[in-house]
């Protein structure tokens, strides 16, 4: 079972009629069928809870829980900040989402190509228990910005395929109704590293 908050495909209501002939849609659907996967979209109930659990999770992840209004839990009263300071507080290009901010911001100007070298160590398990969650190192535009950051792991149990560094690489841009960006990818390489003793 896969529990997802956002839609399985591309639209908020999962109405797939307009792209039933789309190759990527067909590939996703075939994968779900071939592997007998059940997808449960946990969206409306999460938002209906009081307080809204996604807002609570986001505020916790970006460190804003301390700004929550005592009178109205939906309101966060932020101190005076410049946009630059706000961006530093939330995170920036090179962040490991909800986990680690970059050591330094070395982002190039918009429309300039960015480079990302990612070194990932897989989680390790022993007898079905997680012994190490693995880590991620990021070199952004030639500068170390994340040094063995440990990703969030949902529990201490090993999941099938968790320790294998195989499978597809997924690239993501903003949602269709999100900020307008032009996102392009090129020269994507995947190279397994020989384990060191």
N, C-alpha and C. Protein backbone atom coordinates (compact mmCIF):
# COMPACT_ATOMS: atom_id res chain seq x y z
N UNK A 1 0.84 -1.18 0.00
CA UNK A 1 0.00 0.00 0.00
C UNK A 1 0.88 1.24 0.00
N UNK A 2 0.49 2.21 -0.80
CA UNK A 2 1.14 3.52 -0.81
C UNK A 2 0.13 4.52 -0.27
N UNK A 3 0.53 5.26 0.76
CA UNK A 3 -0.33 6.31 1.30
C UNK A 3 0.24 7.63 0.82
N UNK A 4 -0.54 8.37 0.06
CA UNK A 4 -0.07 9.62 -0.51
C UNK A 4 -0.99 10.75 -0.12
N UNK A 5 -0.44 11.92 0.03
CA UNK A 5 -1.27 13.09 0.34
C UNK A 5 -1.71 13.77 -0.95
N UNK A 6 -0.78 13.98 -1.84
CA UNK A 6 -1.10 14.63 -3.12
C UNK A 6 -1.55 13.58 -4.13
N UNK A 7 -2.03 14.02 -5.28
CA UNK A 7 -2.61 13.06 -6.23
C UNK A 7 -1.60 12.05 -6.76
N UNK A 8 -2.14 10.94 -7.15
CA UNK A 8 -1.31 9.88 -7.71
C UNK A 8 -0.71 10.30 -9.04
N UNK A 9 -1.47 11.08 -9.79
CA UNK A 9 -1.03 11.47 -11.12
C UNK A 9 -0.74 12.97 -11.15
N UNK A 10 -1.53 13.78 -11.84
CA UNK A 10 -1.15 15.18 -11.99
C UNK A 10 -2.20 16.16 -11.49
N UNK A 11 -3.44 15.77 -11.43
CA UNK A 11 -4.50 16.72 -11.11
C UNK A 11 -5.03 16.49 -9.71
N UNK A 12 -5.50 17.57 -9.09
CA UNK A 12 -5.97 17.50 -7.72
C UNK A 12 -7.06 16.48 -7.49
N UNK A 13 -7.96 16.30 -8.44
CA UNK A 13 -9.06 15.37 -8.23
C UNK A 13 -8.81 14.01 -8.88
N UNK A 14 -7.59 13.78 -9.36
CA UNK A 14 -7.22 12.50 -9.99
C UNK A 14 -8.12 12.14 -11.18
N UNK A 15 -8.63 13.15 -11.87
CA UNK A 15 -9.42 12.91 -13.08
C UNK A 15 -8.44 12.69 -14.23
N UNK A 16 -8.31 11.45 -14.68
CA UNK A 16 -7.28 11.10 -15.66
C UNK A 16 -7.80 11.04 -17.09
N UNK A 17 -9.05 11.44 -17.31
CA UNK A 17 -9.64 11.29 -18.66
C UNK A 17 -8.87 12.00 -19.75
N UNK A 18 -8.24 13.12 -19.42
CA UNK A 18 -7.57 13.90 -20.48
C UNK A 18 -6.21 13.34 -20.86
N UNK A 19 -5.67 12.38 -20.12
CA UNK A 19 -4.36 11.85 -20.50
C UNK A 19 -4.28 10.33 -20.41
N UNK A 20 -5.37 9.65 -20.73
CA UNK A 20 -5.33 8.18 -20.68
C UNK A 20 -4.39 7.60 -21.73
N UNK A 21 -4.05 8.37 -22.76
CA UNK A 21 -3.11 7.89 -23.77
C UNK A 21 -1.68 8.34 -23.51
N UNK A 22 -1.45 9.05 -22.42
CA UNK A 22 -0.12 9.54 -22.10
C UNK A 22 0.78 8.37 -21.69
N UNK A 23 1.98 8.32 -22.24
CA UNK A 23 2.89 7.19 -22.00
C UNK A 23 3.29 7.07 -20.53
N UNK A 24 3.55 8.20 -19.86
CA UNK A 24 3.96 8.14 -18.46
C UNK A 24 2.80 7.67 -17.58
N UNK A 25 1.59 8.16 -17.86
CA UNK A 25 0.41 7.69 -17.12
C UNK A 25 0.24 6.18 -17.28
N UNK A 26 0.35 5.70 -18.52
CA UNK A 26 0.19 4.27 -18.77
C UNK A 26 1.25 3.46 -18.04
N UNK A 27 2.48 3.99 -18.00
CA UNK A 27 3.55 3.27 -17.32
C UNK A 27 3.29 3.20 -15.81
N UNK A 28 2.85 4.32 -15.20
CA UNK A 28 2.52 4.32 -13.77
C UNK A 28 1.38 3.33 -13.47
N UNK A 29 0.35 3.40 -14.29
CA UNK A 29 -0.81 2.54 -14.07
C UNK A 29 -0.43 1.07 -14.20
N UNK A 30 0.40 0.75 -15.19
CA UNK A 30 0.83 -0.64 -15.39
C UNK A 30 1.67 -1.12 -14.21
N UNK A 31 2.54 -0.24 -13.70
CA UNK A 31 3.36 -0.60 -12.54
C UNK A 31 2.48 -0.90 -11.33
N UNK A 32 1.47 -0.07 -11.11
CA UNK A 32 0.54 -0.27 -9.99
C UNK A 32 -0.18 -1.61 -10.15
N UNK A 33 -0.65 -1.89 -11.34
CA UNK A 33 -1.38 -3.14 -11.59
C UNK A 33 -0.45 -4.36 -11.47
N UNK A 34 0.72 -4.27 -12.09
CA UNK A 34 1.65 -5.40 -12.08
C UNK A 34 2.08 -5.78 -10.67
N UNK A 35 2.15 -4.81 -9.78
CA UNK A 35 2.64 -5.06 -8.42
C UNK A 35 1.52 -5.09 -7.37
N UNK A 36 0.28 -5.12 -7.85
CA UNK A 36 -0.88 -5.18 -6.95
C UNK A 36 -0.81 -4.12 -5.85
N UNK A 37 -0.50 -2.90 -6.24
CA UNK A 37 -0.35 -1.81 -5.28
C UNK A 37 -1.70 -1.13 -5.05
N UNK A 38 -1.99 -0.89 -3.79
CA UNK A 38 -3.17 -0.11 -3.42
C UNK A 38 -2.68 1.29 -3.08
N UNK A 39 -3.31 2.31 -3.67
CA UNK A 39 -2.94 3.69 -3.39
C UNK A 39 -4.08 4.34 -2.62
N UNK A 40 -3.77 4.80 -1.43
CA UNK A 40 -4.77 5.48 -0.61
C UNK A 40 -4.37 6.94 -0.51
N UNK A 41 -5.21 7.80 -1.02
CA UNK A 41 -4.92 9.23 -0.98
C UNK A 41 -5.50 9.81 0.30
N UNK A 42 -4.62 10.17 1.21
CA UNK A 42 -5.00 10.69 2.51
C UNK A 42 -4.88 12.21 2.46
N UNK A 43 -5.89 12.86 1.90
CA UNK A 43 -5.79 14.29 1.66
C UNK A 43 -6.81 15.09 2.47
N UNK A 44 -8.10 14.93 2.15
CA UNK A 44 -9.12 15.77 2.75
C UNK A 44 -9.22 15.58 4.26
N UNK A 45 -9.11 14.34 4.73
CA UNK A 45 -9.21 14.09 6.16
C UNK A 45 -8.06 14.76 6.92
N UNK A 46 -6.88 14.73 6.33
CA UNK A 46 -5.71 15.36 6.96
C UNK A 46 -5.94 16.85 7.13
N UNK A 47 -6.51 17.50 6.07
CA UNK A 47 -6.77 18.94 6.14
C UNK A 47 -7.96 19.26 7.03
N UNK A 48 -8.90 18.32 7.18
CA UNK A 48 -10.10 18.57 7.98
C UNK A 48 -9.82 18.53 9.48
N UNK A 49 -8.74 17.89 9.87
CA UNK A 49 -8.41 17.81 11.30
C UNK A 49 -8.10 19.21 11.83
N UNK A 50 -8.37 19.43 13.09
CA UNK A 50 -8.08 20.71 13.71
C UNK A 50 -7.06 20.50 14.82
N UNK A 51 -5.88 21.09 14.71
CA UNK A 51 -5.44 21.91 13.59
C UNK A 51 -5.10 21.06 12.36
N UNK A 52 -5.04 21.72 11.21
CA UNK A 52 -4.71 21.06 9.95
C UNK A 52 -3.33 20.41 10.08
N UNK A 53 -3.27 19.08 9.92
CA UNK A 53 -2.03 18.35 10.17
C UNK A 53 -0.91 18.72 9.19
N UNK A 54 -1.26 19.08 7.95
CA UNK A 54 -0.20 19.45 7.02
C UNK A 54 0.41 20.79 7.42
N UNK A 55 -0.42 21.71 7.94
CA UNK A 55 0.10 22.99 8.40
C UNK A 55 0.99 22.79 9.63
N UNK A 56 0.57 21.91 10.52
CA UNK A 56 1.36 21.61 11.72
C UNK A 56 2.71 21.01 11.31
N UNK A 57 2.67 20.06 10.38
CA UNK A 57 3.91 19.42 9.93
C UNK A 57 4.84 20.39 9.25
N UNK A 58 4.28 21.27 8.40
CA UNK A 58 5.11 22.26 7.72
C UNK A 58 5.72 23.23 8.72
N UNK A 59 4.90 23.73 9.65
CA UNK A 59 5.42 24.68 10.65
C UNK A 59 6.52 24.03 11.48
N UNK A 60 6.35 22.76 11.83
CA UNK A 60 7.36 22.05 12.60
C UNK A 60 8.63 21.89 11.77
N UNK A 61 8.48 21.53 10.49
CA UNK A 61 9.64 21.27 9.64
C UNK A 61 10.47 22.51 9.40
N UNK A 62 9.84 23.67 9.29
CA UNK A 62 10.60 24.89 9.00
C UNK A 62 10.86 25.73 10.25
N UNK A 63 10.50 25.16 11.43
CA UNK A 63 10.83 25.84 12.68
C UNK A 63 9.92 26.98 13.06
N UNK A 64 8.69 26.98 12.56
CA UNK A 64 7.78 28.08 12.86
C UNK A 64 6.79 27.76 13.96
N UNK A 65 6.82 26.59 14.55
CA UNK A 65 5.88 26.23 15.61
C UNK A 65 5.94 27.25 16.75
N UNK A 66 7.12 27.77 16.99
CA UNK A 66 7.29 28.74 18.09
C UNK A 66 6.56 30.05 17.82
N UNK A 67 6.14 30.30 16.56
CA UNK A 67 5.44 31.53 16.22
C UNK A 67 3.92 31.37 16.19
N UNK A 68 3.43 30.18 16.52
CA UNK A 68 2.00 29.92 16.43
C UNK A 68 1.23 30.79 17.43
N UNK A 69 0.14 31.40 16.96
CA UNK A 69 -0.69 32.24 17.82
C UNK A 69 -1.42 31.38 18.86
N UNK A 70 -1.46 31.86 20.09
CA UNK A 70 -2.19 31.14 21.13
C UNK A 70 -3.70 31.29 20.94
N UNK A 71 -4.11 32.39 20.29
CA UNK A 71 -5.54 32.64 20.09
C UNK A 71 -6.11 31.90 18.89
N UNK A 72 -5.30 31.73 17.85
CA UNK A 72 -5.77 31.07 16.63
C UNK A 72 -4.66 30.18 16.10
N UNK A 73 -4.78 28.85 16.25
CA UNK A 73 -3.69 27.96 15.83
C UNK A 73 -3.42 27.97 14.32
N UNK A 74 -4.28 28.62 13.54
CA UNK A 74 -4.04 28.71 12.09
C UNK A 74 -3.14 29.88 11.74
N UNK A 75 -2.82 30.72 12.74
CA UNK A 75 -2.06 31.94 12.49
C UNK A 75 -0.67 31.81 13.10
N UNK A 76 0.33 32.23 12.34
CA UNK A 76 1.71 32.25 12.82
C UNK A 76 2.18 33.70 12.78
N UNK A 77 2.57 34.23 13.91
CA UNK A 77 3.00 35.62 14.02
C UNK A 77 4.53 35.64 13.93
N UNK A 78 5.02 36.03 12.77
CA UNK A 78 6.46 36.02 12.53
C UNK A 78 7.10 37.33 12.97
N UNK A 79 8.32 37.28 13.46
CA UNK A 79 9.02 38.52 13.78
C UNK A 79 9.34 39.26 12.48
N UNK A 80 9.70 40.52 12.62
CA UNK A 80 10.07 41.29 11.43
C UNK A 80 11.30 40.65 10.78
N UNK A 81 11.15 40.31 9.52
CA UNK A 81 12.24 39.68 8.77
C UNK A 81 12.30 40.27 7.38
N UNK A 82 13.48 40.38 6.84
CA UNK A 82 13.59 40.72 5.42
C UNK A 82 13.34 39.44 4.63
N UNK A 83 13.05 39.57 3.36
CA UNK A 83 12.86 38.38 2.53
C UNK A 83 14.12 37.52 2.52
N UNK A 84 15.27 38.15 2.54
CA UNK A 84 16.53 37.41 2.55
C UNK A 84 16.65 36.57 3.82
N UNK A 85 16.30 37.17 4.99
CA UNK A 85 16.35 36.43 6.25
C UNK A 85 15.31 35.32 6.29
N UNK A 86 14.13 35.61 5.71
CA UNK A 86 13.08 34.60 5.67
C UNK A 86 13.53 33.40 4.84
N UNK A 87 14.16 33.67 3.70
CA UNK A 87 14.66 32.58 2.84
C UNK A 87 15.71 31.76 3.58
N UNK A 88 16.56 32.42 4.36
CA UNK A 88 17.57 31.69 5.13
C UNK A 88 16.91 30.79 6.16
N UNK A 89 15.82 31.28 6.77
CA UNK A 89 15.17 30.50 7.82
C UNK A 89 14.46 29.28 7.25
N UNK A 90 13.83 29.42 6.09
CA UNK A 90 13.05 28.33 5.50
C UNK A 90 13.96 27.32 4.80
N UNK A 91 15.01 27.78 4.21
CA UNK A 91 15.87 26.88 3.43
C UNK A 91 16.02 27.43 2.03
N UNK A 92 16.84 26.81 1.24
CA UNK A 92 17.13 27.35 -0.07
C UNK A 92 17.57 26.24 -1.00
N UNK A 93 17.97 26.61 -2.17
CA UNK A 93 18.48 25.66 -3.14
C UNK A 93 19.61 24.87 -2.49
N UNK A 94 19.55 23.56 -2.59
CA UNK A 94 20.57 22.73 -1.95
C UNK A 94 20.13 22.17 -0.61
N UNK A 95 18.90 22.48 -0.19
CA UNK A 95 18.40 21.92 1.07
C UNK A 95 18.00 20.47 0.87
N UNK A 96 18.06 19.70 1.94
CA UNK A 96 17.44 18.38 1.97
C UNK A 96 16.10 18.62 2.64
N UNK A 97 15.04 18.59 1.86
CA UNK A 97 13.71 19.05 2.27
C UNK A 97 13.33 18.56 3.66
N UNK A 98 13.02 19.51 4.52
CA UNK A 98 12.57 19.27 5.89
C UNK A 98 13.62 18.60 6.77
N UNK A 99 14.87 18.56 6.32
CA UNK A 99 15.90 17.87 7.10
C UNK A 99 17.10 18.78 7.37
N UNK A 100 17.69 19.32 6.32
CA UNK A 100 18.93 20.07 6.51
C UNK A 100 19.01 21.24 5.53
N UNK A 101 19.47 22.37 6.06
CA UNK A 101 19.73 23.54 5.22
C UNK A 101 21.16 23.43 4.70
N UNK A 102 21.44 24.04 3.56
CA UNK A 102 22.82 23.99 3.06
C UNK A 102 23.75 24.78 3.98
N UNK A 103 25.00 24.35 4.03
CA UNK A 103 26.01 25.03 4.84
C UNK A 103 26.20 26.45 4.33
N UNK A 104 26.13 26.60 3.02
CA UNK A 104 26.30 27.91 2.39
C UNK A 104 25.43 27.93 1.13
N UNK A 105 24.92 29.09 0.77
CA UNK A 105 24.13 29.22 -0.45
C UNK A 105 25.07 29.60 -1.59
N UNK A 106 25.24 28.69 -2.54
CA UNK A 106 26.11 28.96 -3.69
C UNK A 106 25.31 28.92 -4.99
N UNK A 107 24.01 29.19 -4.88
CA UNK A 107 23.17 29.18 -6.08
C UNK A 107 23.62 30.24 -7.07
N UNK A 108 23.57 29.87 -8.32
CA UNK A 108 23.87 30.82 -9.38
C UNK A 108 22.61 31.61 -9.72
N UNK A 109 22.76 32.61 -10.55
CA UNK A 109 21.63 33.46 -10.93
C UNK A 109 20.59 32.65 -11.69
N UNK A 110 19.32 33.10 -11.68
CA UNK A 110 18.30 32.42 -12.48
C UNK A 110 18.75 32.32 -13.93
N UNK A 111 18.39 31.21 -14.56
CA UNK A 111 18.72 30.89 -15.95
C UNK A 111 20.16 30.43 -16.15
N UNK A 112 20.99 30.45 -15.09
CA UNK A 112 22.32 29.86 -15.18
C UNK A 112 22.21 28.40 -14.74
N UNK A 113 22.94 27.52 -15.40
CA UNK A 113 22.90 26.11 -15.04
C UNK A 113 23.48 25.91 -13.65
N UNK A 114 22.82 25.09 -12.85
CA UNK A 114 23.29 24.70 -11.53
C UNK A 114 23.86 23.29 -11.65
N UNK A 115 24.86 22.95 -10.87
CA UNK A 115 25.34 21.57 -10.85
C UNK A 115 25.15 20.99 -9.46
N UNK A 116 24.76 19.73 -9.43
CA UNK A 116 24.54 19.02 -8.17
C UNK A 116 25.24 17.66 -8.27
N UNK A 117 26.17 17.42 -7.40
CA UNK A 117 26.79 16.11 -7.27
C UNK A 117 26.29 15.54 -5.95
N UNK A 118 25.57 14.43 -6.02
CA UNK A 118 24.94 13.85 -4.84
C UNK A 118 25.60 12.51 -4.55
N UNK A 119 26.04 12.35 -3.34
CA UNK A 119 26.62 11.08 -2.89
C UNK A 119 25.68 10.54 -1.81
N UNK A 120 25.10 9.40 -2.09
CA UNK A 120 24.12 8.82 -1.16
C UNK A 120 24.59 7.46 -0.69
N UNK A 121 24.59 7.29 0.63
CA UNK A 121 24.86 5.99 1.22
C UNK A 121 23.53 5.39 1.62
N UNK A 122 23.28 4.18 1.18
CA UNK A 122 22.01 3.51 1.44
C UNK A 122 21.88 3.16 2.92
N UNK A 123 20.64 3.04 3.39
CA UNK A 123 20.43 2.54 4.75
C UNK A 123 20.98 1.12 4.87
N UNK A 124 21.28 0.71 6.09
CA UNK A 124 21.71 -0.67 6.33
C UNK A 124 20.77 -1.30 7.35
N UNK A 125 20.61 -2.61 7.21
CA UNK A 125 19.69 -3.34 8.08
C UNK A 125 20.37 -4.62 8.59
N UNK A 126 19.88 -5.09 9.72
CA UNK A 126 20.34 -6.36 10.27
C UNK A 126 19.13 -7.03 10.93
N UNK A 127 18.82 -8.22 10.48
CA UNK A 127 17.68 -8.98 11.02
C UNK A 127 16.38 -8.19 11.00
N UNK A 128 16.16 -7.45 9.92
CA UNK A 128 14.92 -6.70 9.76
C UNK A 128 14.86 -5.38 10.48
N UNK A 129 15.91 -5.03 11.23
CA UNK A 129 15.94 -3.75 11.96
C UNK A 129 16.91 -2.81 11.28
N UNK A 130 16.55 -1.55 11.26
CA UNK A 130 17.40 -0.53 10.66
C UNK A 130 18.60 -0.28 11.56
N UNK A 131 19.81 -0.42 11.01
CA UNK A 131 21.01 -0.16 11.80
C UNK A 131 21.62 1.19 11.45
N UNK A 132 21.33 1.70 10.25
CA UNK A 132 21.79 3.03 9.85
C UNK A 132 20.82 3.57 8.82
N UNK A 133 20.38 4.84 8.97
CA UNK A 133 19.44 5.40 8.00
C UNK A 133 20.10 5.84 6.70
N UNK A 134 21.42 5.71 6.61
CA UNK A 134 22.11 6.20 5.42
C UNK A 134 22.33 7.70 5.52
N UNK A 135 22.93 8.29 4.49
CA UNK A 135 23.16 9.73 4.52
C UNK A 135 23.34 10.26 3.10
N UNK A 136 23.28 11.57 2.99
CA UNK A 136 23.39 12.25 1.70
C UNK A 136 24.39 13.39 1.82
N UNK A 137 25.33 13.43 0.89
CA UNK A 137 26.27 14.54 0.77
C UNK A 137 25.98 15.24 -0.55
N UNK A 138 25.94 16.56 -0.52
CA UNK A 138 25.64 17.33 -1.74
C UNK A 138 26.74 18.34 -1.99
N UNK A 139 27.27 18.28 -3.22
CA UNK A 139 28.22 19.28 -3.69
C UNK A 139 27.46 20.09 -4.74
N UNK A 140 27.21 21.36 -4.42
CA UNK A 140 26.40 22.23 -5.28
C UNK A 140 27.32 23.27 -5.92
N UNK A 141 27.34 23.26 -7.24
CA UNK A 141 28.20 24.17 -7.99
C UNK A 141 29.66 24.09 -7.51
N UNK A 142 30.09 22.86 -7.21
CA UNK A 142 31.48 22.62 -6.83
C UNK A 142 31.80 22.88 -5.36
N UNK A 143 30.76 23.22 -4.55
CA UNK A 143 30.99 23.55 -3.14
C UNK A 143 30.20 22.57 -2.27
N UNK A 144 30.84 22.04 -1.22
CA UNK A 144 30.15 21.16 -0.29
C UNK A 144 29.09 21.96 0.46
N UNK A 145 27.81 21.55 0.33
CA UNK A 145 26.74 22.28 1.02
C UNK A 145 25.97 21.39 2.01
N UNK A 146 26.00 20.08 1.82
CA UNK A 146 25.45 19.13 2.79
C UNK A 146 26.50 18.06 3.02
N UNK A 147 26.82 17.81 4.27
CA UNK A 147 27.86 16.85 4.59
C UNK A 147 27.27 15.68 5.37
N UNK A 148 26.97 14.60 4.67
CA UNK A 148 26.41 13.39 5.24
C UNK A 148 25.15 13.67 6.08
N UNK A 149 24.24 14.44 5.48
CA UNK A 149 22.96 14.73 6.13
C UNK A 149 22.15 13.44 6.20
N UNK A 150 21.53 13.21 7.34
CA UNK A 150 20.78 11.97 7.56
C UNK A 150 19.31 12.23 7.23
N UNK A 151 18.76 11.52 6.24
CA UNK A 151 17.35 11.73 5.88
C UNK A 151 16.43 11.24 6.97
N UNK A 152 15.21 11.75 6.97
CA UNK A 152 14.21 11.26 7.92
C UNK A 152 13.79 9.86 7.54
N UNK A 153 13.73 8.99 8.52
CA UNK A 153 13.27 7.63 8.30
C UNK A 153 12.02 7.45 9.14
N UNK A 154 10.97 6.88 8.54
CA UNK A 154 9.67 6.84 9.21
C UNK A 154 9.62 5.88 10.39
N UNK A 155 10.39 4.83 10.37
CA UNK A 155 10.41 3.92 11.51
C UNK A 155 11.73 3.17 11.50
N UNK A 156 11.90 2.28 12.44
CA UNK A 156 13.18 1.56 12.53
C UNK A 156 13.12 0.18 11.89
N UNK A 157 12.10 -0.06 11.07
CA UNK A 157 11.98 -1.34 10.39
C UNK A 157 12.50 -1.22 8.96
N UNK A 158 13.16 -2.22 8.49
CA UNK A 158 13.64 -2.22 7.11
C UNK A 158 12.48 -2.54 6.18
N UNK A 159 12.40 -1.79 5.10
CA UNK A 159 11.37 -1.98 4.09
C UNK A 159 12.00 -2.69 2.90
N UNK A 160 11.20 -3.44 2.12
CA UNK A 160 11.75 -4.11 0.94
C UNK A 160 12.41 -3.10 0.01
N UNK A 161 13.61 -3.42 -0.43
CA UNK A 161 14.34 -2.57 -1.37
C UNK A 161 15.03 -1.38 -0.74
N UNK A 162 14.88 -1.20 0.56
CA UNK A 162 15.41 -0.02 1.24
C UNK A 162 16.93 0.08 1.17
N UNK A 163 17.60 -1.06 1.20
CA UNK A 163 19.07 -1.05 1.24
C UNK A 163 19.69 -1.15 -0.15
N UNK A 164 18.85 -1.21 -1.17
CA UNK A 164 19.36 -1.33 -2.53
C UNK A 164 19.37 0.04 -3.19
N UNK A 165 20.46 0.38 -3.82
CA UNK A 165 20.54 1.65 -4.53
C UNK A 165 20.18 1.39 -5.99
N UNK A 166 18.92 1.06 -6.20
CA UNK A 166 18.47 0.81 -7.56
C UNK A 166 17.08 1.39 -7.72
N UNK A 167 16.60 1.40 -8.93
CA UNK A 167 15.28 1.96 -9.19
C UNK A 167 15.40 3.23 -10.00
N UNK A 168 14.27 3.89 -10.16
CA UNK A 168 14.25 5.07 -11.02
C UNK A 168 14.69 6.32 -10.26
N UNK A 169 15.16 7.29 -11.01
CA UNK A 169 15.47 8.61 -10.48
C UNK A 169 14.30 9.51 -10.84
N UNK A 170 13.75 10.20 -9.85
CA UNK A 170 12.59 11.04 -10.11
C UNK A 170 13.00 12.51 -9.95
N UNK A 171 12.67 13.31 -10.95
CA UNK A 171 12.98 14.74 -10.93
C UNK A 171 11.66 15.49 -10.80
N UNK A 172 11.64 16.55 -10.02
CA UNK A 172 10.39 17.24 -9.74
C UNK A 172 10.55 18.73 -9.93
N UNK A 173 9.53 19.32 -10.54
CA UNK A 173 9.41 20.76 -10.66
C UNK A 173 8.25 21.17 -9.76
N UNK A 174 7.93 22.44 -9.73
CA UNK A 174 6.78 22.90 -8.95
C UNK A 174 5.49 22.39 -9.57
N UNK A 175 4.42 22.40 -8.78
CA UNK A 175 3.11 22.01 -9.29
C UNK A 175 2.65 23.00 -10.34
N UNK A 176 1.67 22.60 -11.15
CA UNK A 176 1.16 23.45 -12.22
C UNK A 176 0.63 24.77 -11.67
N UNK A 177 0.04 24.77 -10.48
CA UNK A 177 -0.49 26.01 -9.91
C UNK A 177 0.48 26.67 -8.95
N UNK A 178 1.72 26.21 -8.94
CA UNK A 178 2.74 26.78 -8.07
C UNK A 178 3.48 27.91 -8.78
N UNK A 179 4.63 28.31 -8.24
CA UNK A 179 5.39 29.40 -8.86
C UNK A 179 5.77 29.07 -10.30
N UNK A 180 5.74 30.07 -11.15
CA UNK A 180 6.08 29.87 -12.56
C UNK A 180 7.60 29.75 -12.68
N UNK A 181 8.07 28.62 -13.12
CA UNK A 181 9.50 28.39 -13.31
C UNK A 181 9.71 27.68 -14.63
N UNK A 182 10.90 27.80 -15.13
CA UNK A 182 11.31 27.00 -16.28
C UNK A 182 12.37 26.05 -15.74
N UNK A 183 12.03 24.79 -15.68
CA UNK A 183 12.92 23.79 -15.09
C UNK A 183 13.43 22.90 -16.21
N UNK A 184 14.74 22.81 -16.34
CA UNK A 184 15.34 21.95 -17.35
C UNK A 184 16.41 21.10 -16.68
N UNK A 185 16.57 19.89 -17.16
CA UNK A 185 17.57 18.97 -16.63
C UNK A 185 18.44 18.49 -17.78
N UNK A 186 19.71 18.30 -17.54
CA UNK A 186 20.60 17.75 -18.56
C UNK A 186 21.77 17.06 -17.88
N UNK A 187 22.43 16.21 -18.66
CA UNK A 187 23.64 15.51 -18.19
C UNK A 187 23.44 14.83 -16.84
N UNK A 188 22.45 13.97 -16.77
CA UNK A 188 22.16 13.25 -15.54
C UNK A 188 22.90 11.92 -15.58
N UNK A 189 23.74 11.69 -14.60
CA UNK A 189 24.54 10.48 -14.52
C UNK A 189 24.25 9.78 -13.21
N UNK A 190 24.20 8.46 -13.27
CA UNK A 190 24.10 7.67 -12.06
C UNK A 190 25.28 6.70 -12.07
N UNK A 191 26.09 6.74 -11.04
CA UNK A 191 27.27 5.88 -10.99
C UNK A 191 27.36 5.23 -9.63
N UNK A 192 27.16 3.91 -9.55
CA UNK A 192 27.32 3.23 -8.26
C UNK A 192 28.77 3.34 -7.78
N UNK A 193 28.95 3.59 -6.51
CA UNK A 193 30.28 3.66 -5.93
C UNK A 193 30.64 2.33 -5.31
N UNK A 194 31.87 1.92 -5.45
CA UNK A 194 32.32 0.68 -4.84
C UNK A 194 32.44 0.87 -3.34
N UNK A 195 31.75 0.01 -2.56
CA UNK A 195 31.84 0.17 -1.10
C UNK A 195 33.27 0.07 -0.61
N UNK A 196 33.61 0.90 0.37
CA UNK A 196 34.95 0.86 0.96
C UNK A 196 34.91 0.07 2.25
N UNK A 197 35.95 -0.56 2.58
CA UNK A 197 36.03 -1.37 3.81
C UNK A 197 36.53 -0.53 4.96
